[in-house]
PDB file of N, CA and C in Angstrom:
ATOM      1  N   MET A   1       0.114  -2.737  10.665  1.00  0.00           N
ATOM      2  CA  MET A   1      -0.851  -3.592   9.994  1.00  0.00           C
ATOM      3  C   MET A   1      -2.063  -2.799   9.506  1.00  0.00           C
ATOM      4  N   MET A   2      -2.386  -1.704  10.205  1.00  0.00           N
ATOM      5  CA  MET A   2      -3.535  -0.898   9.793  1.00  0.00           C
ATOM      6  C   MET A   2      -3.288  -0.231   8.446  1.00  0.00           C
ATOM      7  N   LEU A   3      -2.050   0.172   8.170  1.00  0.00           N
ATOM      8  CA  LEU A   3      -1.725   0.788   6.894  1.00  0.00           C
ATOM      9  C   LEU A   3      -1.940  -0.204   5.757  1.00  0.00           C
ATOM     10  N   PHE A   4      -1.517  -1.446   5.968  1.00  0.00           N
ATOM     11  CA  PHE A   4      -1.710  -2.471   4.947  1.00  0.00           C
ATOM     12  C   PHE A   4      -3.196  -2.724   4.703  1.00  0.00           C
ATOM     13  N   ASP A   5      -4.011  -2.698   5.759  1.00  0.00           N
ATOM     14  CA  ASP A   5      -5.456  -2.876   5.594  1.00  0.00           C
ATOM     15  C   ASP A   5      -6.066  -1.733   4.801  1.00  0.00           C
ATOM     16  N   LYS A   6      -5.611  -0.507   5.034  1.00  0.00           N
ATOM     17  CA  LYS A   6      -6.109   0.639   4.262  1.00  0.00           C
ATOM     18  C   LYS A   6      -5.726   0.505   2.793  1.00  0.00           C
ATOM     19  N   ILE A   7      -4.490   0.064   2.555  1.00  0.00           N
ATOM     20  CA  ILE A   7      -4.052  -0.129   1.168  1.00  0.00           C
ATOM     21  C   ILE A   7      -4.876  -1.223   0.504  1.00  0.00           C
ATOM     22  N   LYS A   8      -5.106  -2.319   1.214  1.00  0.00           N
ATOM     23  CA  LYS A   8      -5.896  -3.420   0.658  1.00  0.00           C
ATOM     24  C   LYS A   8      -7.303  -2.972   0.304  1.00  0.00           C
ATOM     25  N   ASN A   9      -7.944  -2.226   1.206  1.00  0.00           N
ATOM     26  CA  ASN A   9      -9.336  -1.838   0.985  1.00  0.00           C
ATOM     27  C   ASN A   9      -9.488  -0.769  -0.087  1.00  0.00           C
ATOM     28  N   ASN A  10      -8.437  -0.010  -0.355  1.00  0.00           N
ATOM     29  CA  ASN A  10      -8.524   1.052  -1.353  1.00  0.00           C
ATOM     30  C   ASN A  10      -7.664   0.791  -2.584  1.00  0.00           C
ATOM     31  N   PHE A  11      -7.147  -0.407  -2.737  1.00  0.00           N
ATOM     32  CA  PHE A  11      -6.268  -0.718  -3.861  1.00  0.00           C
ATOM     33  C   PHE A  11      -6.989  -0.633  -5.199  1.00  0.00           C
ATOM     34  N   PHE A  12      -8.299  -0.863  -5.211  1.00  0.00           N
ATOM     35  CA  PHE A  12      -9.022  -0.871  -6.476  1.00  0.00           C
ATOM     36  C   PHE A  12      -9.012   0.494  -7.158  1.00  0.00           C
ATOM     37  N   TRP A  13      -8.666   1.554  -6.426  1.00  0.00           N
ATOM     38  CA  TRP A  13      -8.595   2.872  -7.049  1.00  0.00           C
ATOM     39  C   TRP A  13      -7.354   3.027  -7.923  1.00  0.00           C
ATOM     40  N   ILE A  14      -6.314   2.254  -7.677  1.00  0.00           N
ATOM     41  CA  ILE A  14      -5.085   2.371  -8.479  1.00  0.00           C
ATOM     42  C   ILE A  14      -5.318   1.941  -9.925  1.00  0.00           C
ATOM     43  N   PRO A  15      -5.799   0.715 -10.194  1.00  0.00           N
ATOM     44  CA  PRO A  15      -6.050   0.378 -11.601  1.00  0.00           C
ATOM     45  C   PRO A  15      -7.216   1.181 -12.184  1.00  0.00           C
ATOM     46  N   SER A  16      -8.157   1.591 -11.340  1.00  0.00           N
ATOM     47  CA  SER A  16      -9.276   2.397 -11.836  1.00  0.00           C
ATOM     48  C   SER A  16      -8.781   3.749 -12.326  1.00  0.00           C
ATOM     49  N   PHE A  17      -7.874   4.379 -11.582  1.00  0.00           N
ATOM     50  CA  PHE A  17      -7.328   5.668 -11.996  1.00  0.00           C
ATOM     51  C   PHE A  17      -6.539   5.530 -13.297  1.00  0.00           C
ATOM     52  N   ILE A  18      -5.735   4.477 -13.411  1.00  0.00           N
ATOM     53  CA  ILE A  18      -4.969   4.251 -14.642  1.00  0.00           C
ATOM     54  C   ILE A  18      -5.912   4.065 -15.822  1.00  0.00           C
ATOM     55  N   MET A  19      -7.011   3.351 -15.590  1.00  0.00           N
ATOM     56  CA  MET A  19      -7.960   3.096 -16.659  1.00  0.00           C
ATOM     57  C   MET A  19      -8.719   4.367 -17.047  1.00  0.00           C
ATOM     58  N   ILE A  20      -9.026   5.218 -16.071  1.00  0.00           N
ATOM     59  CA  ILE A  20      -9.684   6.497 -16.368  1.00  0.00           C
ATOM     60  C   ILE A  20      -8.764   7.365 -17.235  1.00  0.00           C
ATOM     61  N   VAL A  21      -7.488   7.420 -16.870  1.00  0.00           N
ATOM     62  CA  VAL A  21      -6.527   8.197 -17.662  1.00  0.00           C
ATOM     63  C   VAL A  21      -6.422   7.622 -19.070  1.00  0.00           C
ATOM     64  N   ASP A  22      -6.371   6.303 -19.196  1.00  0.00           N
ATOM     65  CA  ASP A  22      -6.290   5.665 -20.505  1.00  0.00           C
ATOM     66  C   ASP A  22      -7.524   5.988 -21.340  1.00  0.00           C
ATOM     67  N   ALA A  23      -8.711   5.950 -20.736  1.00  0.00           N
ATOM     68  CA  ALA A  23      -9.940   6.235 -21.475  1.00  0.00           C
ATOM     69  C   ALA A  23     -10.002   7.703 -21.902  1.00  0.00           C
ATOM     70  N   ILE A  24      -9.592   8.616 -21.033  1.00  0.00           N
ATOM     71  CA  ILE A  24      -9.595  10.040 -21.387  1.00  0.00           C
ATOM     72  C   ILE A  24      -8.620  10.307 -22.529  1.00  0.00           C
ATOM     73  N   LEU A  25      -7.462   9.664 -22.477  1.00  0.00           N
ATOM     74  CA  LEU A  25      -6.508   9.821 -23.575  1.00  0.00           C
ATOM     75  C   LEU A  25      -7.060   9.266 -24.886  1.00  0.00           C
ATOM     76  N   LYS A  26      -7.880   8.226 -24.801  1.00  0.00           N
ATOM     77  CA  LYS A  26      -8.498   7.686 -26.017  1.00  0.00           C
ATOM     78  C   LYS A  26      -9.507   8.662 -26.603  1.00  0.00           C
ATOM     79  N   PHE A  27     -10.157   9.454 -25.755  1.00  0.00           N
ATOM     80  CA  PHE A  27     -11.101  10.449 -26.259  1.00  0.00           C
ATOM     81  C   PHE A  27     -10.395  11.558 -27.038  1.00  0.00           C
ATOM     82  N   ILE A  28      -9.134  11.813 -26.705  1.00  0.00           N
ATOM     83  CA  ILE A  28      -8.389  12.816 -27.469  1.00  0.00           C
ATOM     84  C   ILE A  28      -7.431  12.145 -28.460  1.00  0.00           C
ATOM     85  N   HIS A  29      -7.723  10.908 -28.795  1.00  0.00           N
ATOM     86  CA  HIS A  29      -7.027  10.120 -29.813  1.00  0.00           C
ATOM     87  C   HIS A  29      -5.550   9.895 -29.498  1.00  0.00           C
ATOM     88  N   ILE A  30      -5.254   9.670 -28.237  1.00  0.00           N
ATOM     89  CA  ILE A  30      -3.915   9.269 -27.810  1.00  0.00           C
ATOM     90  C   ILE A  30      -4.094   7.969 -27.029  1.00  0.00           C
ATOM     91  N   SER A  31      -3.180   7.040 -27.199  1.00  0.00           N
ATOM     92  CA  SER A  31      -3.271   5.780 -26.464  1.00  0.00           C
ATOM     93  C   SER A  31      -2.010   5.568 -25.640  1.00  0.00           C
ATOM     94  N   LEU A  32      -2.163   4.952 -24.463  1.00  0.00           N
ATOM     95  CA  LEU A  32      -1.003   4.643 -23.633  1.00  0.00           C
ATOM     96  C   LEU A  32      -0.104   3.601 -24.295  1.00  0.00           C
ATOM     97  N   TRP A  33      -0.674   2.803 -25.142  1.00  0.00           N
ATOM     98  CA  TRP A  33       0.114   1.819 -25.869  1.00  0.00           C
ATOM     99  C   TRP A  33      -0.146   2.018 -27.358  1.00  0.00           C
ATOM    100  N   ASN A  34       0.892   1.959 -28.157  1.00  0.00           N
ATOM    101  CA  ASN A  34       0.837   2.367 -29.561  1.00  0.00           C
ATOM    102  C   ASN A  34       0.470   1.248 -30.528  1.00  0.00           C
ATOM    103  N   ASP A  35      -0.131   0.197 -30.046  1.00  0.00           N
ATOM    104  CA  ASP A  35      -0.459  -0.924 -30.917  1.00  0.00           C
ATOM    105  C   ASP A  35      -1.797  -0.767 -31.623  1.00  0.00           C
ATOM    106  N   LEU A  36      -2.553   0.252 -31.317  1.00  0.00           N
ATOM    107  CA  LEU A  36      -3.876   0.393 -31.930  1.00  0.00           C
ATOM    108  C   LEU A  36      -3.799   0.567 -33.438  1.00  0.00           C
ATOM    109  N   SER A  37      -2.801   1.261 -33.935  1.00  0.00           N
ATOM    110  CA  SER A  37      -2.682   1.438 -35.384  1.00  0.00           C
ATOM    111  C   SER A  37      -2.321   0.117 -36.061  1.00  0.00           C
ATOM    112  N   ARG A  38      -1.473  -0.683 -35.406  1.00  0.00           N
ATOM    113  CA  ARG A  38      -1.129  -1.995 -35.976  1.00  0.00           C
ATOM    114  C   ARG A  38      -2.297  -2.967 -35.925  1.00  0.00           C
ATOM    115  N   LEU A  39      -3.188  -2.779 -34.937  1.00  0.00           N
ATOM    116  CA  LEU A  39      -4.349  -3.666 -34.819  1.00  0.00           C
ATOM    117  C   LEU A  39      -5.495  -3.224 -35.717  1.00  0.00           C
ATOM    118  N   GLY A  40      -5.369  -2.069 -36.322  1.00  0.00           N
ATOM    119  CA  GLY A  40      -6.437  -1.563 -37.178  1.00  0.00           C
ATOM    120  C   GLY A  40      -7.579  -0.951 -36.388  1.00  0.00           C
ATOM    121  N   LEU A  41      -7.309  -0.506 -35.174  1.00  0.00           N
ATOM    122  CA  LEU A  41      -8.353   0.045 -34.313  1.00  0.00           C
ATOM    123  C   LEU A  41      -8.234   1.552 -34.124  1.00  0.00           C
ATOM    124  N   GLN A  42      -7.405   2.214 -34.902  1.00  0.00           N
ATOM    125  CA  GLN A  42      -7.186   3.646 -34.725  1.00  0.00           C
ATOM    126  C   GLN A  42      -8.460   4.448 -34.957  1.00  0.00           C
ATOM    127  N   ASP A  43      -9.309   4.025 -35.892  1.00  0.00           N
ATOM    128  CA  ASP A  43     -10.548   4.765 -36.158  1.00  0.00           C
ATOM    129  C   ASP A  43     -11.637   4.457 -35.128  1.00  0.00           C
ATOM    130  N   LYS A  44     -11.452   3.431 -34.301  1.00  0.00           N
ATOM    131  CA  LYS A  44     -12.435   3.063 -33.282  1.00  0.00           C
ATOM    132  C   LYS A  44     -11.956   3.385 -31.869  1.00  0.00           C
ATOM    133  N   ILE A  45     -10.996   4.285 -31.751  1.00  0.00           N
ATOM    134  CA  ILE A  45     -10.378   4.562 -30.458  1.00  0.00           C
ATOM    135  C   ILE A  45     -11.359   5.214 -29.488  1.00  0.00           C
ATOM    136  N   VAL A  46     -12.249   6.085 -29.963  1.00  0.00           N
ATOM    137  CA  VAL A  46     -13.225   6.729 -29.080  1.00  0.00           C
ATOM    138  C   VAL A  46     -14.244   5.703 -28.589  1.00  0.00           C
ATOM    139  N   CYS A  47     -14.648   4.801 -29.466  1.00  0.00           N
ATOM    140  CA  CYS A  47     -15.584   3.741 -29.071  1.00  0.00           C
ATOM    141  C   CYS A  47     -14.960   2.843 -27.999  1.00  0.00           C
ATOM    142  N   LEU A  48     -13.673   2.540 -28.134  1.00  0.00           N
ATOM    143  CA  LEU A  48     -12.986   1.748 -27.117  1.00  0.00           C
ATOM    144  C   LEU A  48     -12.930   2.490 -25.787  1.00  0.00           C
ATOM    145  N   GLY A  49     -12.749   3.807 -25.839  1.00  0.00           N
ATOM    146  CA  GLY A  49     -12.746   4.608 -24.617  1.00  0.00           C
ATOM    147  C   GLY A  49     -14.093   4.595 -23.924  1.00  0.00           C
ATOM    148  N   ILE A  50     -15.179   4.646 -24.700  1.00  0.00           N
ATOM    149  CA  ILE A  50     -16.532   4.605 -24.129  1.00  0.00           C
ATOM    150  C   ILE A  50     -16.790   3.250 -23.483  1.00  0.00           C
ATOM    151  N   ILE A  51     -16.405   2.179 -24.156  1.00  0.00           N
ATOM    152  CA  ILE A  51     -16.571   0.835 -23.600  1.00  0.00           C
ATOM    153  C   ILE A  51     -15.756   0.687 -22.320  1.00  0.00           C
ATOM    154  N   GLU A  52     -14.541   1.211 -22.344  1.00  0.00           N
ATOM    155  CA  GLU A  52     -13.653   1.124 -21.183  1.00  0.00           C
ATOM    156  C   GLU A  52     -14.249   1.851 -19.975  1.00  0.00           C
ATOM    157  N   LEU A  53     -14.750   3.059 -20.193  1.00  0.00           N
ATOM    158  CA  LEU A  53     -15.360   3.807 -19.086  1.00  0.00           C
ATOM    159  C   LEU A  53     -16.646   3.153 -18.595  1.00  0.00           C
ATOM    160  N   GLY A  54     -17.435   2.596 -19.509  1.00  0.00           N
ATOM    161  CA  GLY A  54     -18.671   1.917 -19.110  1.00  0.00           C
ATOM    162  C   GLY A  54     -18.398   0.713 -18.224  1.00  0.00           C
ATOM    163  N   CYS A  55     -17.421  -0.094 -18.610  1.00  0.00           N
ATOM    164  CA  CYS A  55     -17.048  -1.249 -17.792  1.00  0.00           C
ATOM    165  C   CYS A  55     -16.521  -0.811 -16.433  1.00  0.00           C
ATOM    166  N   LEU A  56     -15.767   0.276 -16.423  1.00  0.00           N
ATOM    167  CA  LEU A  56     -15.194   0.760 -15.171  1.00  0.00           C
ATOM    168  C   LEU A  56     -16.265   1.290 -14.230  1.00  0.00           C
ATOM    169  N   VAL A  57     -17.255   1.995 -14.765  1.00  0.00           N
ATOM    170  CA  VAL A  57     -18.349   2.506 -13.927  1.00  0.00           C
ATOM    171  C   VAL A  57     -19.112   1.349 -13.295  1.00  0.00           C
ATOM    172  N   ILE A  58     -19.363   0.314 -14.069  1.00  0.00           N
ATOM    173  CA  ILE A  58     -20.053  -0.862 -13.531  1.00  0.00           C
ATOM    174  C   ILE A  58     -19.207  -1.532 -12.459  1.00  0.00           C
ATOM    175  N   PHE A  59     -17.882  -1.545 -12.636  1.00  0.00           N
ATOM    176  CA  PHE A  59     -16.985  -2.133 -11.636  1.00  0.00           C
ATOM    177  C   PHE A  59     -16.970  -1.316 -10.347  1.00  0.00           C
ATOM    178  N   LEU A  60     -17.031   0.001 -10.442  1.00  0.00           N
ATOM    179  CA  LEU A  60     -16.916   0.849  -9.258  1.00  0.00           C
ATOM    180  C   LEU A  60     -18.180   0.897  -8.414  1.00  0.00           C
ATOM    181  N   LEU A  61     -19.323   0.525  -8.975  1.00  0.00           N
ATOM    182  CA  LEU A  61     -20.560   0.482  -8.192  1.00  0.00           C
ATOM    183  C   LEU A  61     -20.552  -0.773  -7.317  1.00  0.00           C
ATOM    184  N   PRO A  62     -20.779  -0.629  -6.007  1.00  0.00           N
ATOM    185  CA  PRO A  62     -20.697  -1.808  -5.116  1.00  0.00           C
ATOM    186  C   PRO A  62     -21.697  -2.905  -5.470  1.00  0.00           C
ATOM    187  N   GLN A  63     -22.873  -2.537  -5.979  1.00  0.00           N
ATOM    188  CA  GLN A  63     -23.887  -3.548  -6.285  1.00  0.00           C
ATOM    189  C   GLN A  63     -23.529  -4.374  -7.514  1.00  0.00           C
ATOM    190  N   THR A  64     -22.729  -3.814  -8.416  1.00  0.00           N
ATOM    191  CA  THR A  64     -22.406  -4.502  -9.668  1.00  0.00           C
ATOM    192  C   THR A  64     -20.906  -4.781  -9.799  1.00  0.00           C
ATOM    193  N   LEU A  65     -20.237  -4.928  -8.677  1.00  0.00           N
ATOM    194  CA  LEU A  65     -18.787  -5.132  -8.668  1.00  0.00           C
ATOM    195  C   LEU A  65     -18.386  -6.401  -9.423  1.00  0.00           C
ATOM    196  N   THR A  66     -19.087  -7.478  -9.192  1.00  0.00           N
ATOM    197  CA  THR A  66     -18.738  -8.747  -9.834  1.00  0.00           C
ATOM    198  C   THR A  66     -18.962  -8.685 -11.344  1.00  0.00           C
ATOM    199  N   LEU A  67     -20.076  -8.109 -11.756  1.00  0.00           N
ATOM    200  CA  LEU A  67     -20.345  -7.955 -13.190  1.00  0.00           C
ATOM    201  C   LEU A  67     -19.299  -7.043 -13.825  1.00  0.00           C
ATOM    202  N   GLY A  68     -18.945  -5.970 -13.146  1.00  0.00           N
ATOM    203  CA  GLY A  68     -17.926  -5.060 -13.670  1.00  0.00           C
ATOM    204  C   GLY A  68     -16.578  -5.735 -13.807  1.00  0.00           C
ATOM    205  N   PHE A  69     -16.220  -6.566 -12.837  1.00  0.00           N
ATOM    206  CA  PHE A  69     -14.957  -7.299 -12.939  1.00  0.00           C
ATOM    207  C   PHE A  69     -14.981  -8.256 -14.122  1.00  0.00           C
ATOM    208  N   PHE A  70     -16.109  -8.916 -14.339  1.00  0.00           N
ATOM    209  CA  PHE A  70     -16.238  -9.816 -15.489  1.00  0.00           C
ATOM    210  C   PHE A  70     -16.094  -9.042 -16.801  1.00  0.00           C
ATOM    211  N   LEU A  71     -16.739  -7.877 -16.901  1.00  0.00           N
ATOM    212  CA  LEU A  71     -16.655  -7.078 -18.122  1.00  0.00           C
ATOM    213  C   LEU A  71     -15.236  -6.550 -18.348  1.00  0.00           C
ATOM    214  N   LEU A  72     -14.576  -6.124 -17.271  1.00  0.00           N
ATOM    215  CA  LEU A  72     -13.195  -5.662 -17.405  1.00  0.00           C
ATOM    216  C   LEU A  72     -12.271  -6.801 -17.825  1.00  0.00           C
ATOM    217  N   SER A  73     -12.515  -7.988 -17.294  1.00  0.00           N
ATOM    218  CA  SER A  73     -11.712  -9.147 -17.698  1.00  0.00           C
ATOM    219  C   SER A  73     -11.906  -9.441 -19.177  1.00  0.00           C
ATOM    220  N   CYS A  74     -13.128  -9.347 -19.640  1.00  0.00           N
ATOM    221  CA  CYS A  74     -13.403  -9.567 -21.065  1.00  0.00           C
ATOM    222  C   CYS A  74     -12.739  -8.488 -21.919  1.00  0.00           C
ATOM    223  N   TYR A  75     -12.816  -7.241 -21.481  1.00  0.00           N
ATOM    224  CA  TYR A  75     -12.222  -6.128 -22.238  1.00  0.00           C
ATOM    225  C   TYR A  75     -10.712  -6.306 -22.371  1.00  0.00           C
ATOM    226  N   TRP A  76     -10.020  -6.482 -21.238  1.00  0.00           N
ATOM    227  CA  TRP A  76      -8.569  -6.605 -21.295  1.00  0.00           C
ATOM    228  C   TRP A  76      -8.134  -7.917 -21.937  1.00  0.00           C
ATOM    229  N   GLY A  77      -8.921  -8.975 -21.759  1.00  0.00           N
ATOM    230  CA  GLY A  77      -8.611 -10.235 -22.435  1.00  0.00           C
ATOM    231  C   GLY A  77      -8.748 -10.109 -23.943  1.00  0.00           C
ATOM    232  N   GLY A  78      -9.772  -9.368 -24.397  1.00  0.00           N
ATOM    233  CA  GLY A  78      -9.945  -9.144 -25.830  1.00  0.00           C
ATOM    234  C   GLY A  78      -8.823  -8.320 -26.424  1.00  0.00           C
ATOM    235  N   ILE A  79      -8.381  -7.303 -25.691  1.00  0.00           N
ATOM    236  CA  ILE A  79      -7.257  -6.488 -26.159  1.00  0.00           C
ATOM    237  C   ILE A  79      -5.980  -7.335 -26.237  1.00  0.00           C
ATOM    238  N   THR A  80      -5.780  -8.183 -25.240  1.00  0.00           N
ATOM    239  CA  THR A  80      -4.599  -9.049 -25.236  1.00  0.00           C
ATOM    240  C   THR A  80      -4.647 -10.038 -26.396  1.00  0.00           C
ATOM    241  N   PHE A  81      -5.821 -10.638 -26.615  1.00  0.00           N
ATOM    242  CA  PHE A  81      -5.966 -11.632 -27.679  1.00  0.00           C
ATOM    243  C   PHE A  81      -5.786 -11.004 -29.061  1.00  0.00           C
ATOM    244  N   SER A  82      -6.351  -9.806 -29.258  1.00  0.00           N
ATOM    245  CA  SER A  82      -6.176  -9.165 -30.564  1.00  0.00           C
ATOM    246  C   SER A  82      -4.715  -8.794 -30.793  1.00  0.00           C
ATOM    247  N   GLY A  83      -4.004  -8.454 -29.745  1.00  0.00           N
ATOM    248  CA  GLY A  83      -2.576  -8.198 -29.887  1.00  0.00           C
ATOM    249  C   GLY A  83      -1.805  -9.448 -30.258  1.00  0.00           C
ATOM    250  N   LEU A  84      -2.204 -10.575 -29.669  1.00  0.00           N
ATOM    251  CA  LEU A  84      -1.536 -11.836 -30.008  1.00  0.00           C
ATOM    252  C   LEU A  84      -1.802 -12.244 -31.449  1.00  0.00           C
ATOM    253  N   ILE A  85      -3.017 -12.029 -31.922  1.00  0.00           N
ATOM    254  CA  ILE A  85      -3.367 -12.404 -33.292  1.00  0.00           C
ATOM    255  C   ILE A  85      -2.573 -11.587 -34.306  1.00  0.00           C
ATOM    256  N   HIS A  86      -2.402 -10.297 -34.029  1.00  0.00           N
ATOM    257  CA  HIS A  86      -1.724  -9.404 -34.965  1.00  0.00           C
ATOM    258  C   HIS A  86      -0.228  -9.272 -34.697  1.00  0.00           C
ATOM    259  N   GLN A  87       0.348 -10.153 -33.919  1.00  0.00           N
ATOM    260  CA  GLN A  87       1.770 -10.173 -33.589  1.00  0.00           C
ATOM    261  C   GLN A  87       2.278  -8.817 -33.085  1.00  0.00           C
ATOM    262  N   SER A  88       1.453  -8.128 -32.294  1.00  0.00           N
ATOM    263  CA  SER A  88       1.893  -6.864 -31.684  1.00  0.00           C
ATOM    264  C   SER A  88       1.587  -6.942 -30.190  1.00  0.00           C
ATOM    265  N   PHE A  89       2.197  -7.907 -29.544  1.00  0.00           N
ATOM    266  CA  PHE A  89       1.936  -8.183 -28.139  1.00  0.00           C
ATOM    267  C   PHE A  89       2.457  -7.054 -27.258  1.00  0.00           C
ATOM    268  N   ASN A  90       1.675  -6.706 -26.229  1.00  0.00           N
ATOM    269  CA  ASN A  90       2.036  -5.651 -25.296  1.00  0.00           C
ATOM    270  C   ASN A  90       1.676  -6.114 -23.889  1.00  0.00           C
ATOM    271  N   LEU A  91       2.455  -5.723 -22.904  1.00  0.00           N
ATOM    272  CA  LEU A  91       2.211  -6.138 -21.527  1.00  0.00           C
ATOM    273  C   LEU A  91       1.206  -5.252 -20.790  1.00  0.00           C
ATOM    274  N   PHE A  92       0.850  -4.095 -21.337  1.00  0.00           N
ATOM    275  CA  PHE A  92      -0.063  -3.191 -20.640  1.00  0.00           C
ATOM    276  C   PHE A  92      -1.415  -3.841 -20.318  1.00  0.00           C
ATOM    277  N   PRO A  93      -2.090  -4.522 -21.253  1.00  0.00           N
ATOM    278  CA  PRO A  93      -3.366  -5.158 -20.893  1.00  0.00           C
ATOM    279  C   PRO A  93      -3.215  -6.254 -19.835  1.00  0.00           C
ATOM    280  N   ILE A  94      -2.124  -6.989 -19.882  1.00  0.00           N
ATOM    281  CA  ILE A  94      -1.912  -8.044 -18.892  1.00  0.00           C
ATOM    282  C   ILE A  94      -1.654  -7.437 -17.515  1.00  0.00           C
ATOM    283  N   CYS A  95      -0.889  -6.359 -17.477  1.00  0.00           N
ATOM    284  CA  CYS A  95      -0.646  -5.662 -16.200  1.00  0.00           C
ATOM    285  C   CYS A  95      -1.942  -5.101 -15.628  1.00  0.00           C
ATOM    286  N   MET A  96      -2.782  -4.524 -16.482  1.00  0.00           N
ATOM    287  CA  MET A  96      -4.055  -3.984 -16.001  1.00  0.00           C
ATOM    288  C   MET A  96      -4.948  -5.101 -15.462  1.00  0.00           C
ATOM    289  N   GLN A  97      -5.008  -6.218 -16.173  1.00  0.00           N
ATOM    290  CA  GLN A  97      -5.823  -7.340 -15.697  1.00  0.00           C
ATOM    291  C   GLN A  97      -5.293  -7.863 -14.370  1.00  0.00           C
ATOM    292  N   THR A  98      -3.991  -7.933 -14.220  1.00  0.00           N
ATOM    293  CA  THR A  98      -3.397  -8.384 -12.961  1.00  0.00           C
ATOM    294  C   THR A  98      -3.732  -7.429 -11.820  1.00  0.00           C
ATOM    295  N   LEU A  99      -3.674  -6.132 -12.082  1.00  0.00           N
ATOM    296  CA  LEU A  99      -4.025  -5.150 -11.052  1.00  0.00           C
ATOM    297  C   LEU A  99      -5.491  -5.286 -10.635  1.00  0.00           C
ATOM    298  N   PHE A 100      -6.381  -5.529 -11.593  1.00  0.00           N
ATOM    299  CA  PHE A 100      -7.795  -5.694 -11.244  1.00  0.00           C
ATOM    300  C   PHE A 100      -8.041  -7.004 -10.497  1.00  0.00           C
ATOM    301  N   ILE A 101      -7.288  -8.039 -10.804  1.00  0.00           N
ATOM    302  CA  ILE A 101      -7.417  -9.292 -10.059  1.00  0.00           C
ATOM    303  C   ILE A 101      -6.999  -9.084  -8.610  1.00  0.00           C
ATOM    304  N   ILE A 102      -5.888  -8.385  -8.392  1.00  0.00           N
ATOM    305  CA  ILE A 102      -5.448  -8.081  -7.028  1.00  0.00           C
ATOM    306  C   ILE A 102      -6.480  -7.212  -6.325  1.00  0.00           C
ATOM    307  N   ALA A 103      -7.034  -6.236  -7.038  1.00  0.00           N
ATOM    308  CA  ALA A 103      -8.022  -5.333  -6.439  1.00  0.00           C
ATOM    309  C   ALA A 103      -9.276  -6.083  -6.014  1.00  0.00           C
ATOM    310  N   ILE A 104      -9.766  -6.983  -6.842  1.00  0.00           N
ATOM    311  CA  ILE A 104     -10.989  -7.714  -6.488  1.00  0.00           C
ATOM    312  C   ILE A 104     -10.700  -8.712  -5.371  1.00  0.00           C
ATOM    313  N   TYR A 105      -9.488  -9.229  -5.317  1.00  0.00           N
ATOM    314  CA  TYR A 105      -9.118 -10.161  -4.255  1.00  0.00           C
ATOM    315  C   TYR A 105      -9.062  -9.446  -2.908  1.00  0.00           C
ATOM    316  N   TRP A 106      -8.547  -8.212  -2.905  1.00  0.00           N
ATOM    317  CA  TRP A 106      -8.395  -7.464  -1.662  1.00  0.00           C
ATOM    318  C   TRP A 106      -9.628  -6.640  -1.295  1.00  0.00           C
ATOM    319  N   LYS A 107     -10.614  -6.582  -2.170  1.00  0.00           N
ATOM    320  CA  LYS A 107     -11.778  -5.735  -1.908  1.00  0.00           C
ATOM    321  C   LYS A 107     -12.514  -6.206  -0.661  1.00  0.00           C
ATOM    322  N   ASP A 108     -12.900  -5.260   0.167  1.00  0.00           N
ATOM    323  CA  ASP A 108     -13.622  -5.571   1.402  1.00  0.00           C
ATOM    324  C   ASP A 108     -15.104  -5.726   1.079  1.00  0.00           C
ATOM    325  N   TYR A 109     -15.632  -6.923   1.254  1.00  0.00           N
ATOM    326  CA  TYR A 109     -17.026  -7.188   0.936  1.00  0.00           C
ATOM    327  C   TYR A 109     -17.955  -6.952   2.128  1.00  0.00           C
ATOM    328  N   SER A 110     -17.441  -6.562   3.264  1.00  0.00           N
ATOM    329  CA  SER A 110     -18.289  -6.432   4.447  1.00  0.00           C
ATOM    330  C   SER A 110     -19.373  -5.375   4.253  1.00  0.00           C
ATOM    331  N   ASN A 111     -19.050  -4.267   3.563  1.00  0.00           N
ATOM    332  CA  ASN A 111     -20.058  -3.234   3.326  1.00  0.00           C
ATOM    333  C   ASN A 111     -21.134  -3.722   2.370  1.00  0.00           C
ATOM    334  N   SER A 112     -20.748  -4.443   1.311  1.00  0.00           N
ATOM    335  CA  SER A 112     -21.748  -4.934   0.369  1.00  0.00           C
ATOM    336  C   SER A 112     -22.640  -5.986   1.000  1.00  0.00           C
ATOM    337  N   ILE A 113     -22.065  -6.854   1.809  1.00  0.00           N
ATOM    338  CA  ILE A 113     -22.855  -7.883   2.476  1.00  0.00           C
ATOM    339  C   ILE A 113     -23.826  -7.223   3.453  1.00  0.00           C
ATOM    340  N   LYS A 114     -23.368  -6.201   4.154  1.00  0.00           N
ATOM    341  CA  LYS A 114     -24.223  -5.492   5.094  1.00  0.00           C
ATOM    342  C   LYS A 114     -25.375  -4.805   4.362  1.00  0.00           C
ATOM    343  N   LEU A 115     -25.079  -4.189   3.211  1.00  0.00           N
ATOM    344  CA  LEU A 115     -26.126  -3.552   2.432  1.00  0.00           C
ATOM    345  C   LEU A 115     -27.146  -4.559   1.931  1.00  0.00           C
ATOM    346  N   ASN A 116     -26.691  -5.709   1.465  1.00  0.00           N
ATOM    347  CA  ASN A 116     -27.608  -6.747   0.972  1.00  0.00           C
ATOM    348  C   ASN A 116     -28.448  -7.317   2.105  1.00  0.00           C
ATOM    349  N   ALA A 117     -27.877  -7.493   3.290  1.00  0.00           N
ATOM    350  CA  ALA A 117     -28.631  -8.002   4.427  1.00  0.00           C
ATOM    351  C   ALA A 117     -29.694  -6.995   4.850  1.00  0.00           C
ATOM    352  N   ASP A 118     -29.370  -5.711   4.828  1.00  0.00           N
ATOM    353  CA  ASP A 118     -30.350  -4.687   5.158  1.00  0.00           C
ATOM    354  C   ASP A 118     -31.501  -4.671   4.166  1.00  0.00           C
ATOM    355  N   ASN A 119     -31.211  -4.890   2.894  1.00  0.00           N
ATOM    356  CA  ASN A 119     -32.262  -4.909   1.873  1.00  0.00           C
ATOM    357  C   ASN A 119     -33.180  -6.113   2.053  1.00  0.00           C
ATOM    358  N   LEU A 120     -32.648  -7.246   2.501  1.00  0.00           N
ATOM    359  CA  LEU A 120     -33.462  -8.428   2.707  1.00  0.00           C
ATOM    360  C   LEU A 120     -34.388  -8.280   3.914  1.00  0.00           C
ATOM    361  N   ASN A 121     -33.937  -7.543   4.923  1.00  0.00           N
ATOM    362  CA  ASN A 121     -34.745  -7.372   6.132  1.00  0.00           C
ATOM    363  C   ASN A 121     -35.909  -6.429   5.926  1.00  0.00           C
ATOM    364  N   GLN A 122     -35.880  -5.612   4.896  1.00  0.00           N
ATOM    365  CA  GLN A 122     -36.963  -4.642   4.695  1.00  0.00           C
ATOM    366  C   GLN A 122     -38.134  -5.228   4.001  1.00  0.00           C
TER     367      GLN A 122
END
């Protein structure tokens, strides 16, 4: 059971690592999914990588975890919606959103609650 608890508490690194790799590939003009040219976003690929990394940094900070999750949900939801509009649907954004939902569900909030309680006592 301890192994499962370790996996639960550190699961958020799995989608975060995938997203870091995706953002780095966008900086060198490669995408994990090839729908960007069909969506007309090939010239904005570096900007998408910057937005992706910014949302991820906000998600990884314990104080802004909820805001980061909201921004990541908006990012992947927007990518999914634009794919639906342009009839180039891909499962990668949906899989990433699902991984982040599992990660936020399993995230251990005891450290953040302890930090917030310590800040209130000072």
